[in-house]
Amino acid sequence: MVALGLGVTFLPGLYCRAVAARDDSIAILELGDRSIYRTIGIMWRRASARGEQYRDLARLLRVLTAREFPDCTVLGAA
């Protein structure tokens, strides 16, 4: 609806940098000194047979996020 000129919205920063910034019909404005954040996690059952693969996935996600979005804070041990 924003691209059609029918409104405004709050979008996650990652989306703005990855997708919305490429759309000339959308104007992106950052909120001044207001800090808005969210925490994203990955979880699995301790008894899962794929625990090691999930840990590998979590490590990969941390590395990619830190590399692609350097202004994001990545928590947890790499």
N, C-alpha and C. Protein backbone atom coordinates (compact mmCIF):
# COMPACT_ATOMS: atom_id res chain seq x y z
N MET A 1 0.83 -1.19 0.00
CA MET A 1 0.00 0.00 0.00
C MET A 1 0.87 1.26 0.00
N VAL A 2 2.02 1.16 0.67
CA VAL A 2 2.92 2.31 0.70
C VAL A 2 3.37 2.66 -0.72
N ALA A 3 3.77 1.65 -1.48
CA ALA A 3 4.23 1.88 -2.85
C ALA A 3 3.14 2.47 -3.74
N LEU A 4 1.89 2.25 -3.39
CA LEU A 4 0.77 2.80 -4.15
C LEU A 4 0.39 4.19 -3.68
N GLY A 5 1.10 4.70 -2.66
CA GLY A 5 0.80 6.03 -2.13
C GLY A 5 -0.40 6.05 -1.21
N LEU A 6 -0.73 4.89 -0.62
CA LEU A 6 -1.93 4.79 0.21
C LEU A 6 -1.64 4.67 1.70
N GLY A 7 -0.44 4.99 2.13
CA GLY A 7 -0.19 4.90 3.56
C GLY A 7 1.28 4.94 3.91
N VAL A 8 1.52 4.74 5.21
CA VAL A 8 2.87 4.68 5.75
C VAL A 8 2.96 3.43 6.63
N THR A 9 4.17 2.98 6.90
CA THR A 9 4.34 1.80 7.74
C THR A 9 5.72 1.81 8.35
N PHE A 10 5.90 1.02 9.39
CA PHE A 10 7.20 0.75 9.97
C PHE A 10 7.68 -0.57 9.40
N LEU A 11 8.90 -0.60 8.91
CA LEU A 11 9.46 -1.82 8.35
C LEU A 11 10.76 -2.15 9.06
N PRO A 12 11.09 -3.43 9.17
CA PRO A 12 12.38 -3.79 9.75
C PRO A 12 13.53 -3.24 8.91
N GLY A 13 14.59 -2.80 9.58
CA GLY A 13 15.74 -2.24 8.89
C GLY A 13 16.37 -3.19 7.89
N LEU A 14 16.41 -4.49 8.24
CA LEU A 14 16.99 -5.46 7.32
C LEU A 14 16.21 -5.51 6.01
N TYR A 15 14.90 -5.45 6.11
CA TYR A 15 14.06 -5.45 4.91
C TYR A 15 14.30 -4.18 4.10
N CYS A 16 14.37 -3.06 4.78
CA CYS A 16 14.59 -1.79 4.07
C CYS A 16 15.88 -1.83 3.28
N ARG A 17 16.95 -2.31 3.92
CA ARG A 17 18.25 -2.35 3.23
C ARG A 17 18.27 -3.38 2.11
N ALA A 18 17.59 -4.50 2.29
CA ALA A 18 17.67 -5.59 1.32
C ALA A 18 16.68 -5.45 0.17
N VAL A 19 15.51 -4.87 0.42
CA VAL A 19 14.45 -4.88 -0.60
C VAL A 19 13.90 -3.48 -0.88
N ALA A 20 13.39 -2.83 0.13
CA ALA A 20 12.67 -1.57 -0.06
C ALA A 20 13.56 -0.48 -0.65
N ALA A 21 14.85 -0.48 -0.34
CA ALA A 21 15.75 0.56 -0.85
C ALA A 21 15.86 0.50 -2.38
N ARG A 22 15.54 -0.63 -2.97
CA ARG A 22 15.62 -0.77 -4.43
C ARG A 22 14.35 -0.30 -5.14
N ASP A 23 13.32 0.04 -4.37
CA ASP A 23 12.04 0.46 -4.95
C ASP A 23 11.96 1.99 -4.92
N ASP A 24 12.08 2.63 -6.08
CA ASP A 24 12.07 4.09 -6.15
C ASP A 24 10.74 4.70 -5.73
N SER A 25 9.68 3.92 -5.65
CA SER A 25 8.39 4.47 -5.26
C SER A 25 8.24 4.56 -3.74
N ILE A 26 9.23 4.05 -3.00
CA ILE A 26 9.16 4.06 -1.54
C ILE A 26 10.23 5.00 -0.99
N ALA A 27 9.82 5.92 -0.13
CA ALA A 27 10.77 6.80 0.57
C ALA A 27 11.04 6.21 1.94
N ILE A 28 12.30 6.00 2.26
CA ILE A 28 12.68 5.41 3.54
C ILE A 28 13.24 6.51 4.44
N LEU A 29 12.64 6.67 5.60
CA LEU A 29 13.08 7.64 6.59
C LEU A 29 13.45 6.90 7.86
N GLU A 30 14.61 7.21 8.41
CA GLU A 30 15.01 6.59 9.67
C GLU A 30 14.49 7.42 10.83
N LEU A 31 14.17 6.75 11.92
CA LEU A 31 13.75 7.46 13.12
C LEU A 31 15.00 8.01 13.79
N GLY A 32 15.08 9.28 14.00
CA GLY A 32 16.23 9.96 14.58
C GLY A 32 17.05 9.16 15.57
N ASP A 33 17.01 9.55 16.80
CA ASP A 33 17.84 8.90 17.82
C ASP A 33 17.06 7.85 18.60
N ARG A 34 15.93 7.45 18.09
CA ARG A 34 15.12 6.42 18.76
C ARG A 34 15.67 5.05 18.40
N SER A 35 15.92 4.25 19.38
CA SER A 35 16.45 2.92 19.14
C SER A 35 15.32 1.90 19.23
N ILE A 36 15.02 1.29 18.11
CA ILE A 36 14.02 0.24 18.06
C ILE A 36 14.75 -1.04 17.66
N TYR A 37 14.47 -2.13 18.34
CA TYR A 37 15.17 -3.36 18.03
C TYR A 37 14.27 -4.55 18.26
N ARG A 38 14.73 -5.68 17.79
CA ARG A 38 14.05 -6.93 18.09
C ARG A 38 15.11 -8.02 18.18
N THR A 39 14.77 -9.05 18.88
CA THR A 39 15.66 -10.18 19.04
C THR A 39 15.10 -11.34 18.24
N ILE A 40 15.94 -11.96 17.45
CA ILE A 40 15.54 -13.10 16.64
C ILE A 40 16.36 -14.29 17.10
N GLY A 41 15.73 -15.42 17.31
CA GLY A 41 16.44 -16.58 17.82
C GLY A 41 16.13 -17.83 17.01
N ILE A 42 16.94 -18.83 17.24
CA ILE A 42 16.71 -20.14 16.64
C ILE A 42 16.70 -21.15 17.80
N MET A 43 15.71 -22.02 17.82
CA MET A 43 15.56 -22.97 18.92
C MET A 43 15.23 -24.35 18.37
N TRP A 44 15.63 -25.35 19.14
CA TRP A 44 15.32 -26.73 18.80
C TRP A 44 15.30 -27.55 20.08
N ARG A 45 14.70 -28.72 20.01
CA ARG A 45 14.65 -29.60 21.19
C ARG A 45 16.04 -30.14 21.49
N ARG A 46 16.40 -30.20 22.76
CA ARG A 46 17.68 -30.77 23.16
C ARG A 46 17.86 -32.19 22.67
N ALA A 47 16.79 -32.94 22.63
CA ALA A 47 16.86 -34.34 22.24
C ALA A 47 16.85 -34.54 20.72
N SER A 48 16.83 -33.45 19.95
CA SER A 48 16.78 -33.58 18.49
C SER A 48 18.01 -34.30 17.97
N ALA A 49 17.81 -35.20 17.04
CA ALA A 49 18.91 -35.92 16.40
C ALA A 49 19.73 -34.98 15.51
N ARG A 50 19.18 -33.83 15.19
CA ARG A 50 19.86 -32.88 14.32
C ARG A 50 20.46 -31.70 15.08
N GLY A 51 20.70 -31.87 16.35
CA GLY A 51 21.24 -30.79 17.17
C GLY A 51 22.50 -30.17 16.61
N GLU A 52 23.43 -30.98 16.15
CA GLU A 52 24.68 -30.43 15.61
C GLU A 52 24.45 -29.64 14.32
N GLN A 53 23.52 -30.10 13.48
CA GLN A 53 23.21 -29.35 12.26
C GLN A 53 22.56 -28.01 12.61
N TYR A 54 21.71 -27.99 13.63
CA TYR A 54 21.09 -26.73 14.05
C TYR A 54 22.13 -25.78 14.62
N ARG A 55 23.10 -26.30 15.38
CA ARG A 55 24.18 -25.44 15.89
C ARG A 55 24.99 -24.88 14.72
N ASP A 56 25.26 -25.70 13.71
CA ASP A 56 25.98 -25.22 12.53
C ASP A 56 25.18 -24.13 11.82
N LEU A 57 23.87 -24.33 11.70
CA LEU A 57 23.01 -23.33 11.08
C LEU A 57 23.05 -22.03 11.87
N ALA A 58 22.98 -22.13 13.18
CA ALA A 58 23.02 -20.92 14.03
C ALA A 58 24.35 -20.19 13.84
N ARG A 59 25.46 -20.92 13.78
CA ARG A 59 26.77 -20.29 13.55
C ARG A 59 26.80 -19.58 12.20
N LEU A 60 26.28 -20.25 11.17
CA LEU A 60 26.24 -19.67 9.84
C LEU A 60 25.40 -18.39 9.83
N LEU A 61 24.24 -18.43 10.46
CA LEU A 61 23.38 -17.25 10.51
C LEU A 61 24.07 -16.09 11.22
N ARG A 62 24.79 -16.38 12.31
CA ARG A 62 25.54 -15.31 13.00
C ARG A 62 26.59 -14.69 12.09
N VAL A 63 27.36 -15.53 11.39
CA VAL A 63 28.42 -15.04 10.52
C VAL A 63 27.84 -14.21 9.38
N LEU A 64 26.80 -14.73 8.73
CA LEU A 64 26.20 -14.01 7.60
C LEU A 64 25.57 -12.70 8.05
N THR A 65 24.89 -12.71 9.18
CA THR A 65 24.27 -11.48 9.67
C THR A 65 25.33 -10.44 10.00
N ALA A 66 26.40 -10.85 10.68
CA ALA A 66 27.47 -9.92 11.03
C ALA A 66 28.12 -9.35 9.76
N ARG A 67 28.29 -10.18 8.74
CA ARG A 67 28.94 -9.73 7.51
C ARG A 67 28.03 -8.84 6.67
N GLU A 68 26.78 -9.25 6.48
CA GLU A 68 25.87 -8.54 5.60
C GLU A 68 25.22 -7.31 6.24
N PHE A 69 25.10 -7.33 7.56
CA PHE A 69 24.45 -6.23 8.27
C PHE A 69 25.32 -5.80 9.44
N PRO A 70 26.44 -5.14 9.17
CA PRO A 70 27.41 -4.82 10.22
C PRO A 70 26.87 -3.90 11.31
N ASP A 71 25.78 -3.19 11.05
CA ASP A 71 25.23 -2.33 12.10
C ASP A 71 24.31 -3.09 13.05
N CYS A 72 24.07 -4.37 12.81
CA CYS A 72 23.28 -5.20 13.71
C CYS A 72 24.17 -5.78 14.81
N THR A 73 23.60 -5.98 15.96
CA THR A 73 24.33 -6.62 17.05
C THR A 73 24.00 -8.11 17.01
N VAL A 74 25.02 -8.93 16.90
CA VAL A 74 24.85 -10.38 16.85
C VAL A 74 25.23 -10.94 18.21
N LEU A 75 24.29 -11.61 18.85
CA LEU A 75 24.52 -12.18 20.18
C LEU A 75 24.92 -13.64 20.08
N GLY A 76 25.49 -14.16 21.13
CA GLY A 76 25.83 -15.57 21.19
C GLY A 76 27.24 -15.85 20.73
N ALA A 77 27.74 -16.99 21.10
CA ALA A 77 29.09 -17.39 20.72
C ALA A 77 29.09 -17.89 19.29
N ALA A 78 30.09 -17.49 18.54
CA ALA A 78 30.18 -17.91 17.14
C ALA A 78 30.77 -19.29 17.00
